[in-house]
């Protein structure tokens, strides 16, 4: 799976936003408001990857969270991306 659009993630102090860039940026209208974890996931989705690879990377990044907690949050976020048409499975 991989993001359908190229996004630039910007830390704007009190929030993190992702805006589309590149050739097909005009197809996506708006921006994404993110937290630290969803921004990390977007970075991983810039390249072709699998849900399992993203899950393992998040487990390594957030050792204080359980694999189940990370898995549930990841599944929810990936489903949102799929529903919005932002992710190619």
C-alpha atoms as a PDB file:
ATOM      1  CA  UNK A   1       0.000   0.000   0.000  1.00  0.00           C
ATOM      2  CA  UNK A   2       1.042   3.573  -0.627  1.00  0.00           C
ATOM      3  CA  UNK A   3      -0.419   7.063  -0.443  1.00  0.00           C
ATOM      4  CA  UNK A   4      -2.260   8.072  -3.597  1.00  0.00           C
ATOM      5  CA  UNK A   5      -1.017  11.656  -3.254  1.00  0.00           C
ATOM      6  CA  UNK A   6       2.304  13.126  -2.268  1.00  0.00           C
ATOM      7  CA  UNK A   7       2.022  15.117   0.960  1.00  0.00           C
ATOM      8  CA  UNK A   8       4.339  17.507   2.717  1.00  0.00           C
ATOM      9  CA  UNK A   9       4.012  17.282   6.491  1.00  0.00           C
ATOM     10  CA  UNK A  10       4.510  20.556   8.358  1.00  0.00           C
ATOM     11  CA  UNK A  11       4.821  21.054  12.104  1.00  0.00           C
ATOM     12  CA  UNK A  12       3.071  24.356  12.782  1.00  0.00           C
ATOM     13  CA  UNK A  13       3.797  24.496  16.507  1.00  0.00           C
ATOM     14  CA  UNK A  14       0.514  23.527  18.104  1.00  0.00           C
ATOM     15  CA  UNK A  15      -0.627  21.266  15.256  1.00  0.00           C
ATOM     16  CA  UNK A  16       0.730  19.196  12.408  1.00  0.00           C
ATOM     17  CA  UNK A  17      -0.695  19.509   8.907  1.00  0.00           C
ATOM     18  CA  UNK A  18      -0.172  17.665   5.648  1.00  0.00           C
ATOM     19  CA  UNK A  19      -0.786  19.394   2.330  1.00  0.00           C
ATOM     20  CA  UNK A  20      -0.753  17.773  -1.084  1.00  0.00           C
ATOM     21  CA  UNK A  21       2.099  18.576  -3.453  1.00  0.00           C
ATOM     22  CA  UNK A  22       3.199  17.263  -6.814  1.00  0.00           C
ATOM     23  CA  UNK A  23       1.527  16.579 -10.129  1.00  0.00           C
ATOM     24  CA  UNK A  24      -1.836  15.394  -8.804  1.00  0.00           C
ATOM     25  CA  UNK A  25      -2.089  17.854  -5.873  1.00  0.00           C
ATOM     26  CA  UNK A  26      -4.959  19.695  -7.571  1.00  0.00           C
ATOM     27  CA  UNK A  27      -7.093  16.541  -7.326  1.00  0.00           C
ATOM     28  CA  UNK A  28      -7.106  16.763  -3.527  1.00  0.00           C
ATOM     29  CA  UNK A  29      -8.706  19.853  -2.046  1.00  0.00           C
ATOM     30  CA  UNK A  30      -7.745  20.659   1.512  1.00  0.00           C
ATOM     31  CA  UNK A  31      -5.240  19.512   4.061  1.00  0.00           C
ATOM     32  CA  UNK A  32      -4.960  16.895   6.773  1.00  0.00           C
ATOM     33  CA  UNK A  33      -4.701  17.761  10.452  1.00  0.00           C
ATOM     34  CA  UNK A  34      -2.496  15.190  12.141  1.00  0.00           C
ATOM     35  CA  UNK A  35      -1.048  14.176  15.452  1.00  0.00           C
ATOM     36  CA  UNK A  36       2.521  12.939  15.883  1.00  0.00           C
ATOM     37  CA  UNK A  37       1.578   9.303  15.274  1.00  0.00           C
ATOM     38  CA  UNK A  38      -0.485   9.903  12.136  1.00  0.00           C
ATOM     39  CA  UNK A  39       2.323  12.096  10.762  1.00  0.00           C
ATOM     40  CA  UNK A  40       4.761   9.223  11.338  1.00  0.00           C
ATOM     41  CA  UNK A  41       2.384   6.855   9.532  1.00  0.00           C
ATOM     42  CA  UNK A  42       2.108   9.218   6.548  1.00  0.00           C
ATOM     43  CA  UNK A  43       5.891   9.335   6.306  1.00  0.00           C
ATOM     44  CA  UNK A  44       5.990   5.528   6.180  1.00  0.00           C
ATOM     45  CA  UNK A  45       3.271   5.445   3.512  1.00  0.00           C
ATOM     46  CA  UNK A  46       5.260   7.606   1.090  1.00  0.00           C
ATOM     47  CA  UNK A  47       6.909   4.387  -0.096  1.00  0.00           C
ATOM     48  CA  UNK A  48       5.234   1.080  -0.932  1.00  0.00           C
ATOM     49  CA  UNK A  49       4.814  -0.831   2.330  1.00  0.00           C
ATOM     50  CA  UNK A  50       2.558  -3.268   4.146  1.00  0.00           C
ATOM     51  CA  UNK A  51       0.392  -2.754   7.237  1.00  0.00           C
ATOM     52  CA  UNK A  52       2.652  -5.183   9.084  1.00  0.00           C
ATOM     53  CA  UNK A  53       5.767  -3.144   8.272  1.00  0.00           C
ATOM     54  CA  UNK A  54       4.084   0.058   9.458  1.00  0.00           C
ATOM     55  CA  UNK A  55       2.924  -1.711  12.631  1.00  0.00           C
ATOM     56  CA  UNK A  56       6.452  -2.926  13.399  1.00  0.00           C
ATOM     57  CA  UNK A  57       7.913   0.541  12.809  1.00  0.00           C
ATOM     58  CA  UNK A  58       5.373   2.076  15.197  1.00  0.00           C
ATOM     59  CA  UNK A  59       6.073  -0.570  17.845  1.00  0.00           C
ATOM     60  CA  UNK A  60       9.749   0.390  17.667  1.00  0.00           C
ATOM     61  CA  UNK A  61       8.938   4.119  17.783  1.00  0.00           C
ATOM     62  CA  UNK A  62       6.465   3.880  20.701  1.00  0.00           C
ATOM     63  CA  UNK A  63       7.811   1.216  23.108  1.00  0.00           C
ATOM     64  CA  UNK A  64       5.518   2.386  25.941  1.00  0.00           C
ATOM     65  CA  UNK A  65       2.405   1.395  23.968  1.00  0.00           C
ATOM     66  CA  UNK A  66       1.296  -2.190  23.539  1.00  0.00           C
ATOM     67  CA  UNK A  67       1.300  -3.799  20.096  1.00  0.00           C
ATOM     68  CA  UNK A  68      -2.487  -4.174  20.382  1.00  0.00           C
ATOM     69  CA  UNK A  69      -3.000  -0.465  21.135  1.00  0.00           C
ATOM     70  CA  UNK A  70      -0.837   0.451  18.181  1.00  0.00           C
ATOM     71  CA  UNK A  71      -2.571  -2.073  15.939  1.00  0.00           C
ATOM     72  CA  UNK A  72      -6.060  -0.755  16.734  1.00  0.00           C
ATOM     73  CA  UNK A  73      -5.028   2.864  16.183  1.00  0.00           C
ATOM     74  CA  UNK A  74      -3.211   1.963  12.965  1.00  0.00           C
ATOM     75  CA  UNK A  75      -6.163   0.009  11.576  1.00  0.00           C
ATOM     76  CA  UNK A  76      -8.500   2.920  12.343  1.00  0.00           C
ATOM     77  CA  UNK A  77      -6.224   5.455  10.635  1.00  0.00           C
ATOM     78  CA  UNK A  78      -5.615   3.261   7.577  1.00  0.00           C
ATOM     79  CA  UNK A  79      -9.361   2.676   7.220  1.00  0.00           C
ATOM     80  CA  UNK A  80      -9.951   6.439   7.317  1.00  0.00           C
ATOM     81  CA  UNK A  81      -7.354   6.948   4.586  1.00  0.00           C
ATOM     82  CA  UNK A  82      -8.946   4.216   2.472  1.00  0.00           C
ATOM     83  CA  UNK A  83     -12.459   5.633   2.931  1.00  0.00           C
ATOM     84  CA  UNK A  84     -11.257   9.077   1.839  1.00  0.00           C
ATOM     85  CA  UNK A  85      -9.513   7.632  -1.219  1.00  0.00           C
ATOM     86  CA  UNK A  86      -6.059   8.678  -0.058  1.00  0.00           C
ATOM     87  CA  UNK A  87      -4.488   5.232   0.049  1.00  0.00           C
ATOM     88  CA  UNK A  88      -3.867   2.686  -2.666  1.00  0.00           C
ATOM     89  CA  UNK A  89      -4.140  -0.745  -1.034  1.00  0.00           C
END
